[in-house]
Amino acid sequence: MADMRTALDAGLPRLGLSLPQDIRQKLCDFGAAVVEQNKVMNLTAITEPEQVARLHLLDSLSLLTLTELSGKRIIDVGCGAGFPGVPVKIACPEAELTLLDSLGKRMNWLETVLPSLGVKAECITARAEEAVADRREQYDVATSRAVARLNILLELTAPYVKVGGLVLAMKGTAAREELAEAKNAISKLGLKLEKVADFPVDGTDHAVIVLRKVAPTPKAYPRRYAKIKQSPL
């Protein structure tokens, strides 16, 4: 996986990040573990080592440029194979990470592989709209990537975040279009847009929509997923 490490080393300065050698190696070890497990489980369509570095590892690490995450409680909603949460945790060990996804096989794999890499994280197998019942407004940051359109996604993530905390929604070329259609959701859920940060990757548009929690999310949210999907805010 030398190509993965080379691409990671080349990409970090472009993000303005400097990470110790052991952290870089652990990031690549996790990337390699994803590629290996993907042979028997559908984790990612991205399997070339260089692309794993750019589109998974560096893409995830872009969150470190947006806010101080050391010592923060982070929940990665719909974490899939562990992106962006696991690379963030590896690069920022002082953060406290919860990984949440409804697919048990993925979560079982993460529960096995992360301790073998020395990565501590809580893994929860549940739907986001259900797991929030006993975790409401307990996190400093909620992250997500490739989960749903923003007006749907925010109803699933905002309830987890404390007032004063952040929702970091990782998006692609449709980021601003989704933002425009989510104005009502942002207002109703107690959020306020801070900025949209662009991170071009391999000629494609990647962006992080940064929203601040400025008021408690009404208890009526989140609704059942069928209702959220049928009638987005």
C-alpha atoms as a PDB file:
ATOM      1  CA  MET A   1       0.000   0.000   0.000  1.00  0.00           C
ATOM      2  CA  ALA A   2       2.956   2.297  -0.655  1.00  0.00           C
ATOM      3  CA  ASP A   3       0.866   4.233  -3.211  1.00  0.00           C
ATOM      4  CA  MET A   4      -1.677   5.036  -0.510  1.00  0.00           C
ATOM      5  CA  ARG A   5       0.978   6.433   1.770  1.00  0.00           C
ATOM      6  CA  THR A   6       2.573   8.460  -1.031  1.00  0.00           C
ATOM      7  CA  ALA A   7      -0.783  10.005  -1.949  1.00  0.00           C
ATOM      8  CA  LEU A   8      -1.585  10.713   1.703  1.00  0.00           C
ATOM      9  CA  ASP A   9       1.788  12.391   2.284  1.00  0.00           C
ATOM     10  CA  ALA A  10       1.334  14.515  -0.844  1.00  0.00           C
ATOM     11  CA  GLY A  11      -2.205  15.567   0.072  1.00  0.00           C
ATOM     12  CA  LEU A  12      -1.740  16.603   3.694  1.00  0.00           C
ATOM     13  CA  PRO A  13       0.193  19.830   2.954  1.00  0.00           C
ATOM     14  CA  ARG A  14      -2.566  20.887   0.536  1.00  0.00           C
ATOM     15  CA  LEU A  15      -4.968  20.748   3.465  1.00  0.00           C
ATOM     16  CA  GLY A  16      -2.493  22.598   5.654  1.00  0.00           C
ATOM     17  CA  LEU A  17      -2.155  19.555   7.906  1.00  0.00           C
ATOM     18  CA  SER A  18       0.971  18.057   9.432  1.00  0.00           C
ATOM     19  CA  LEU A  19       0.561  14.655  11.087  1.00  0.00           C
ATOM     20  CA  PRO A  20       3.161  12.453  12.832  1.00  0.00           C
ATOM     21  CA  GLN A  21       4.534   9.477  10.940  1.00  0.00           C
ATOM     22  CA  ASP A  22       2.825   6.934  13.191  1.00  0.00           C
ATOM     23  CA  ILE A  23      -0.556   8.618  12.640  1.00  0.00           C
ATOM     24  CA  ARG A  24      -0.030   8.592   8.876  1.00  0.00           C
ATOM     25  CA  GLN A  25       0.809   4.901   9.017  1.00  0.00           C
ATOM     26  CA  LYS A  26      -2.281   4.127  11.099  1.00  0.00           C
ATOM     27  CA  LEU A  27      -4.451   5.982   8.590  1.00  0.00           C
ATOM     28  CA  CYS A  28      -3.027   3.853   5.792  1.00  0.00           C
ATOM     29  CA  ASP A  29      -3.449   0.705   7.884  1.00  0.00           C
ATOM     30  CA  PHE A  30      -7.140   1.513   8.221  1.00  0.00           C
ATOM     31  CA  GLY A  31      -7.409   2.272   4.497  1.00  0.00           C
ATOM     32  CA  ALA A  32      -5.753  -1.053   3.720  1.00  0.00           C
ATOM     33  CA  ALA A  33      -8.126  -2.860   6.090  1.00  0.00           C
ATOM     34  CA  VAL A  34     -11.113  -1.344   4.271  1.00  0.00           C
ATOM     35  CA  VAL A  35      -9.745  -2.482   0.903  1.00  0.00           C
ATOM     36  CA  GLU A  36      -9.108  -5.997   2.216  1.00  0.00           C
ATOM     37  CA  GLN A  37     -12.538  -6.343   3.838  1.00  0.00           C
ATOM     38  CA  ASN A  38     -14.159  -5.011   0.686  1.00  0.00           C
ATOM     39  CA  LYS A  39     -13.211  -8.282  -1.007  1.00  0.00           C
ATOM     40  CA  VAL A  40     -15.868 -10.055   1.065  1.00  0.00           C
ATOM     41  CA  MET A  41     -18.201  -7.199   2.056  1.00  0.00           C
ATOM     42  CA  ASN A  42     -19.537  -4.227   0.123  1.00  0.00           C
ATOM     43  CA  LEU A  43     -17.857  -1.308   1.905  1.00  0.00           C
ATOM     44  CA  THR A  44     -16.717   0.972  -0.910  1.00  0.00           C
ATOM     45  CA  ALA A  45     -16.542   1.302  -4.676  1.00  0.00           C
ATOM     46  CA  ILE A  46     -13.154   2.989  -4.229  1.00  0.00           C
ATOM     47  CA  THR A  47     -10.413   0.360  -3.953  1.00  0.00           C
ATOM     48  CA  GLU A  48      -7.328   1.763  -5.717  1.00  0.00           C
ATOM     49  CA  PRO A  49      -4.829   2.697  -2.961  1.00  0.00           C
ATOM     50  CA  GLU A  50      -4.205   6.233  -4.288  1.00  0.00           C
ATOM     51  CA  GLN A  51      -7.935   6.870  -4.577  1.00  0.00           C
ATOM     52  CA  VAL A  52      -8.543   5.524  -1.074  1.00  0.00           C
ATOM     53  CA  ALA A  53      -6.009   8.058   0.200  1.00  0.00           C
ATOM     54  CA  ARG A  54      -7.540  10.970  -1.693  1.00  0.00           C
ATOM     55  CA  LEU A  55     -11.272  10.221  -1.666  1.00  0.00           C
ATOM     56  CA  HIS A  56     -11.552   8.563   1.745  1.00  0.00           C
ATOM     57  CA  LEU A  57      -8.639   9.506   4.018  1.00  0.00           C
ATOM     58  CA  LEU A  58      -7.854  13.065   2.902  1.00  0.00           C
ATOM     59  CA  ASP A  59     -11.511  13.832   2.262  1.00  0.00           C
ATOM     60  CA  SER A  60     -12.298  12.837   5.860  1.00  0.00           C
ATOM     61  CA  LEU A  61      -9.331  14.756   7.247  1.00  0.00           C
ATOM     62  CA  SER A  62     -10.571  17.983   5.656  1.00  0.00           C
ATOM     63  CA  LEU A  63     -12.868  18.281   8.697  1.00  0.00           C
ATOM     64  CA  LEU A  64      -9.814  18.957  10.870  1.00  0.00           C
ATOM     65  CA  THR A  65      -9.291  22.242   9.035  1.00  0.00           C
ATOM     66  CA  LEU A  66     -12.734  23.569   9.971  1.00  0.00           C
ATOM     67  CA  THR A  67     -12.880  23.403  13.761  1.00  0.00           C
ATOM     68  CA  GLU A  68     -10.931  22.242  16.804  1.00  0.00           C
ATOM     69  CA  LEU A  69     -11.950  18.623  17.420  1.00  0.00           C
ATOM     70  CA  SER A  70      -9.550  17.697  20.225  1.00  0.00           C
ATOM     71  CA  GLY A  71     -11.510  16.678  23.307  1.00  0.00           C
ATOM     72  CA  LYS A  72     -14.856  16.969  21.502  1.00  0.00           C
ATOM     73  CA  ARG A  73     -17.635  14.372  21.457  1.00  0.00           C
ATOM     74  CA  ILE A  74     -18.262  13.452  17.811  1.00  0.00           C
ATOM     75  CA  ILE A  75     -20.970  11.270  16.294  1.00  0.00           C
ATOM     76  CA  ASP A  76     -20.604  10.034  12.705  1.00  0.00           C
ATOM     77  CA  VAL A  77     -24.161   9.414  11.506  1.00  0.00           C
ATOM     78  CA  GLY A  78     -24.471   6.780   8.784  1.00  0.00           C
ATOM     79  CA  CYS A  79     -20.760   6.052   9.063  1.00  0.00           C
ATOM     80  CA  GLY A  80     -20.682   3.194   6.544  1.00  0.00           C
ATOM     81  CA  ALA A  81     -17.118   1.871   6.401  1.00  0.00           C
ATOM     82  CA  GLY A  82     -16.051   4.468   8.985  1.00  0.00           C
ATOM     83  CA  PHE A  83     -15.674   7.659   6.959  1.00  0.00           C
ATOM     84  CA  PRO A  84     -15.189  10.402   7.999  1.00  0.00           C
ATOM     85  CA  GLY A  85     -15.210   9.393  11.678  1.00  0.00           C
ATOM     86  CA  VAL A  86     -12.358   6.898  11.880  1.00  0.00           C
ATOM     87  CA  PRO A  87      -9.699   8.975  10.052  1.00  0.00           C
ATOM     88  CA  VAL A  88     -10.693  11.978  12.196  1.00  0.00           C
ATOM     89  CA  LYS A  89     -10.287   9.905  15.362  1.00  0.00           C
ATOM     90  CA  ILE A  90      -6.928   8.515  14.224  1.00  0.00           C
ATOM     91  CA  ALA A  91      -5.635  12.009  13.465  1.00  0.00           C
ATOM     92  CA  CYS A  92      -7.188  13.473  16.618  1.00  0.00           C
ATOM     93  CA  PRO A  93      -6.988  10.742  19.301  1.00  0.00           C
ATOM     94  CA  GLU A  94      -8.243  13.099  22.028  1.00  0.00           C
ATOM     95  CA  ALA A  95     -11.664  13.262  20.370  1.00  0.00           C
ATOM     96  CA  GLU A  96     -14.394  10.923  21.630  1.00  0.00           C
ATOM     97  CA  LEU A  97     -16.004   9.122  18.675  1.00  0.00           C
ATOM     98  CA  THR A  98     -19.349   7.379  18.258  1.00  0.00           C
ATOM     99  CA  LEU A  99     -19.982   5.543  14.992  1.00  0.00           C
ATOM    100  CA  LEU A 100     -23.630   5.006  14.064  1.00  0.00           C
ATOM    101  CA  ASP A 101     -25.007   2.933  11.200  1.00  0.00           C
ATOM    102  CA  SER A 102     -28.002   0.667  10.683  1.00  0.00           C
ATOM    103  CA  LEU A 103     -26.081  -2.112   8.888  1.00  0.00           C
ATOM    104  CA  GLY A 104     -24.964  -4.651  11.482  1.00  0.00           C
ATOM    105  CA  LYS A 105     -22.324  -6.371   9.345  1.00  0.00           C
ATOM    106  CA  ARG A 106     -20.417  -3.135   8.849  1.00  0.00           C
ATOM    107  CA  MET A 107     -20.620  -2.246  12.512  1.00  0.00           C
ATOM    108  CA  ASN A 108     -19.517  -5.728  13.582  1.00  0.00           C
ATOM    109  CA  TRP A 109     -16.502  -5.386  11.307  1.00  0.00           C
ATOM    110  CA  LEU A 110     -15.639  -1.950  12.713  1.00  0.00           C
ATOM    111  CA  GLU A 111     -15.958  -3.304  16.262  1.00  0.00           C
ATOM    112  CA  THR A 112     -13.393  -5.960  15.332  1.00  0.00           C
ATOM    113  CA  VAL A 113     -10.923  -3.997  13.222  1.00  0.00           C
ATOM    114  CA  LEU A 114     -10.686  -0.754  15.214  1.00  0.00           C
ATOM    115  CA  PRO A 115      -9.282  -2.322  18.432  1.00  0.00           C
ATOM    116  CA  SER A 116      -6.720  -4.182  16.318  1.00  0.00           C
ATOM    117  CA  LEU A 117      -5.512  -0.785  15.065  1.00  0.00           C
ATOM    118  CA  GLY A 118      -5.585   0.780  18.531  1.00  0.00           C
ATOM    119  CA  VAL A 119      -8.535   3.015  17.664  1.00  0.00           C
ATOM    120  CA  LYS A 120     -11.142   3.532  20.380  1.00  0.00           C
ATOM    121  CA  ALA A 121     -14.709   4.240  19.281  1.00  0.00           C
ATOM    122  CA  GLU A 122     -18.232   3.382  20.343  1.00  0.00           C
ATOM    123  CA  CYS A 123     -20.053   1.474  17.602  1.00  0.00           C
ATOM    124  CA  ILE A 124     -23.861   1.587  17.551  1.00  0.00           C
ATOM    125  CA  THR A 125     -26.033  -0.431  15.189  1.00  0.00           C
ATOM    126  CA  ALA A 126     -29.285   1.506  14.899  1.00  0.00           C
ATOM    127  CA  ARG A 127     -31.247   3.888  12.751  1.00  0.00           C
ATOM    128  CA  ALA A 128     -30.357   7.521  13.391  1.00  0.00           C
ATOM    129  CA  GLU A 129     -33.919   8.604  14.102  1.00  0.00           C
ATOM    130  CA  GLU A 130     -34.259   5.854  16.748  1.00  0.00           C
ATOM    131  CA  ALA A 131     -30.858   5.953  18.478  1.00  0.00           C
ATOM    132  CA  VAL A 132     -31.294   9.630  19.341  1.00  0.00           C
ATOM    133  CA  ALA A 133     -33.837   8.830  22.058  1.00  0.00           C
ATOM    134  CA  ASP A 134     -31.186   8.525  24.788  1.00  0.00           C
ATOM    135  CA  ARG A 135     -28.461  10.626  23.088  1.00  0.00           C
ATOM    136  CA  ARG A 136     -30.301  13.827  22.362  1.00  0.00           C
ATOM    137  CA  GLU A 137     -28.085  16.937  22.335  1.00  0.00           C
ATOM    138  CA  GLN A 138     -25.124  15.097  23.875  1.00  0.00           C
ATOM    139  CA  TYR A 139     -22.517  15.688  21.148  1.00  0.00           C
ATOM    140  CA  ASP A 140     -20.322  18.637  20.217  1.00  0.00           C
ATOM    141  CA  VAL A 141     -20.175  17.646  16.553  1.00  0.00           C
ATOM    142  CA  ALA A 142     -22.242  15.472  14.214  1.00  0.00           C
ATOM    143  CA  THR A 143     -20.641  14.452  10.931  1.00  0.00           C
ATOM    144  CA  SER A 144     -22.048  12.679   7.908  1.00  0.00           C
ATOM    145  CA  ARG A 145     -21.043  11.806   4.372  1.00  0.00           C
ATOM    146  CA  ALA A 146     -23.145  10.523   1.468  1.00  0.00           C
ATOM    147  CA  VAL A 147     -26.156   9.742   3.670  1.00  0.00           C
ATOM    148  CA  ALA A 148     -29.086  11.761   2.266  1.00  0.00           C
ATOM    149  CA  ARG A 149     -30.114  15.106   0.803  1.00  0.00           C
ATOM    150  CA  LEU A 150     -29.376  17.906   3.259  1.00  0.00           C
ATOM    151  CA  ASN A 151     -33.004  18.664   4.162  1.00  0.00           C
ATOM    152  CA  ILE A 152     -33.395  15.000   5.202  1.00  0.00           C
ATOM    153  CA  LEU A 153     -29.934  14.621   6.698  1.00  0.00           C
ATOM    154  CA  LEU A 154     -30.259  17.573   9.062  1.00  0.00           C
ATOM    155  CA  GLU A 155     -33.341  16.108  10.727  1.00  0.00           C
ATOM    156  CA  LEU A 156     -31.270  12.972  11.438  1.00  0.00           C
ATOM    157  CA  THR A 157     -28.157  14.772  12.735  1.00  0.00           C
ATOM    158  CA  ALA A 158     -29.192  18.042  14.407  1.00  0.00           C
ATOM    159  CA  PRO A 159     -31.015  16.395  17.353  1.00  0.00           C
ATOM    160  CA  TYR A 160     -27.727  14.797  18.489  1.00  0.00           C
ATOM    161  CA  VAL A 161     -25.877  18.114  18.767  1.00  0.00           C
ATOM    162  CA  LYS A 162     -25.669  20.353  21.831  1.00  0.00           C
ATOM    163  CA  VAL A 163     -26.600  24.008  21.509  1.00  0.00           C
ATOM    164  CA  GLY A 164     -23.353  25.664  20.450  1.00  0.00           C
ATOM    165  CA  GLY A 165     -22.169  22.553  18.625  1.00  0.00           C
ATOM    166  CA  LEU A 166     -21.740  21.869  14.923  1.00  0.00           C
ATOM    167  CA  VAL A 167     -23.212  19.771  12.146  1.00  0.00           C
ATOM    168  CA  LEU A 168     -20.588  19.062   9.469  1.00  0.00           C
ATOM    169  CA  ALA A 169     -22.299  17.756   6.330  1.00  0.00           C
ATOM    170  CA  MET A 170     -19.916  16.497   3.643  1.00  0.00           C
ATOM    171  CA  LYS A 171     -21.310  17.028   0.168  1.00  0.00           C
ATOM    172  CA  GLY A 172     -20.346  17.020  -3.504  1.00  0.00           C
ATOM    173  CA  THR A 173     -21.239  19.161  -6.506  1.00  0.00           C
ATOM    174  CA  ALA A 174     -24.843  19.668  -5.348  1.00  0.00           C
ATOM    175  CA  ALA A 175     -23.868  21.219  -1.999  1.00  0.00           C
ATOM    176  CA  ARG A 176     -25.257  24.684  -2.671  1.00  0.00           C
ATOM    177  CA  GLU A 177     -28.359  23.365  -4.395  1.00  0.00           C
ATOM    178  CA  GLU A 178     -29.081  21.179  -1.363  1.00  0.00           C
ATOM    179  CA  LEU A 179     -28.380  24.085   0.949  1.00  0.00           C
ATOM    180  CA  ALA A 180     -30.948  26.236  -0.846  1.00  0.00           C
ATOM    181  CA  GLU A 181     -33.660  23.591  -0.480  1.00  0.00           C
ATOM    182  CA  ALA A 182     -32.786  23.042   3.206  1.00  0.00           C
ATOM    183  CA  LYS A 183     -33.425  26.612   4.424  1.00  0.00           C
ATOM    184  CA  ASN A 184     -36.653  25.626   6.151  1.00  0.00           C
ATOM    185  CA  ALA A 185     -35.017  22.607   7.820  1.00  0.00           C
ATOM    186  CA  ILE A 186     -32.122  24.735   9.068  1.00  0.00           C
ATOM    187  CA  SER A 187     -34.508  27.188  10.691  1.00  0.00           C
ATOM    188  CA  LYS A 188     -36.870  24.608  12.210  1.00  0.00           C
ATOM    189  CA  LEU A 189     -34.096  22.431  13.662  1.00  0.00           C
ATOM    190  CA  GLY A 190     -32.299  25.233  15.528  1.00  0.00           C
ATOM    191  CA  LEU A 191     -29.374  25.571  13.134  1.00  0.00           C
ATOM    192  CA  LYS A 192     -27.590  28.482  11.479  1.00  0.00           C
ATOM    193  CA  LEU A 193     -25.299  28.304   8.458  1.00  0.00           C
ATOM    194  CA  GLU A 194     -21.714  29.307   9.249  1.00  0.00           C
ATOM    195  CA  LYS A 195     -20.007  28.581   5.934  1.00  0.00           C
ATOM    196  CA  VAL A 196     -19.551  26.247   3.010  1.00  0.00           C
ATOM    197  CA  ALA A 197     -15.934  25.092   2.743  1.00  0.00           C
ATOM    198  CA  ASP A 198     -14.779  23.803  -0.646  1.00  0.00           C
ATOM    199  CA  PHE A 199     -12.146  21.093  -0.996  1.00  0.00           C
ATOM    200  CA  PRO A 200     -11.533  20.219  -4.670  1.00  0.00           C
ATOM    201  CA  VAL A 201     -10.444  16.563  -4.963  1.00  0.00           C
ATOM    202  CA  ASP A 202      -9.108  15.095  -8.220  1.00  0.00           C
ATOM    203  CA  GLY A 203     -10.970  17.674 -10.276  1.00  0.00           C
ATOM    204  CA  THR A 204     -14.287  17.093  -8.516  1.00  0.00           C
ATOM    205  CA  ASP A 205     -16.109  19.390  -6.125  1.00  0.00           C
ATOM    206  CA  HIS A 206     -16.180  18.376  -2.481  1.00  0.00           C
ATOM    207  CA  ALA A 207     -17.661  20.709   0.115  1.00  0.00           C
ATOM    208  CA  VAL A 208     -18.451  20.713   3.811  1.00  0.00           C
ATOM    209  CA  ILE A 209     -21.556  22.582   4.925  1.00  0.00           C
ATOM    210  CA  VAL A 210     -20.865  23.917   8.425  1.00  0.00           C
ATOM    211  CA  LEU A 211     -23.933  24.609  10.565  1.00  0.00           C
ATOM    212  CA  ARG A 212     -23.997  25.883  14.147  1.00  0.00           C
ATOM    213  CA  LYS A 213     -26.647  24.701  16.618  1.00  0.00           C
ATOM    214  CA  VAL A 214     -28.091  27.946  17.995  1.00  0.00           C
ATOM    215  CA  ALA A 215     -31.275  26.648  19.666  1.00  0.00           C
ATOM    216  CA  PRO A 216     -32.571  23.290  20.916  1.00  0.00           C
ATOM    217  CA  THR A 217     -34.119  21.081  18.253  1.00  0.00           C
ATOM    218  CA  PRO A 218     -37.869  20.746  18.925  1.00  0.00           C
ATOM    219  CA  LYS A 219     -38.797  17.408  20.487  1.00  0.00           C
ATOM    220  CA  ALA A 220     -41.027  16.616  17.489  1.00  0.00           C
ATOM    221  CA  TYR A 221     -37.845  15.947  15.478  1.00  0.00           C
ATOM    222  CA  PRO A 222     -36.661  13.575  14.228  1.00  0.00           C
ATOM    223  CA  ARG A 223     -39.839  12.026  12.875  1.00  0.00           C
ATOM    224  CA  ARG A 224     -40.102   8.444  11.629  1.00  0.00           C
ATOM    225  CA  TYR A 225     -37.869   8.000   8.577  1.00  0.00           C
ATOM    226  CA  ALA A 226     -40.762   7.217   6.259  1.00  0.00           C
ATOM    227  CA  LYS A 227     -42.299  10.554   7.229  1.00  0.00           C
ATOM    228  CA  ILE A 228     -38.983  12.416   6.884  1.00  0.00           C
ATOM    229  CA  LYS A 229     -38.496  11.014   3.385  1.00  0.00           C
ATOM    230  CA  GLN A 230     -42.106  11.579   2.366  1.00  0.00           C
ATOM    231  CA  SER A 231     -42.252  15.160   3.649  1.00  0.00           C
ATOM    232  CA  PRO A 232     -38.775  16.682   4.076  1.00  0.00           C
ATOM    233  CA  LEU A 233     -38.667  19.900   6.075  1.00  0.00           C
END
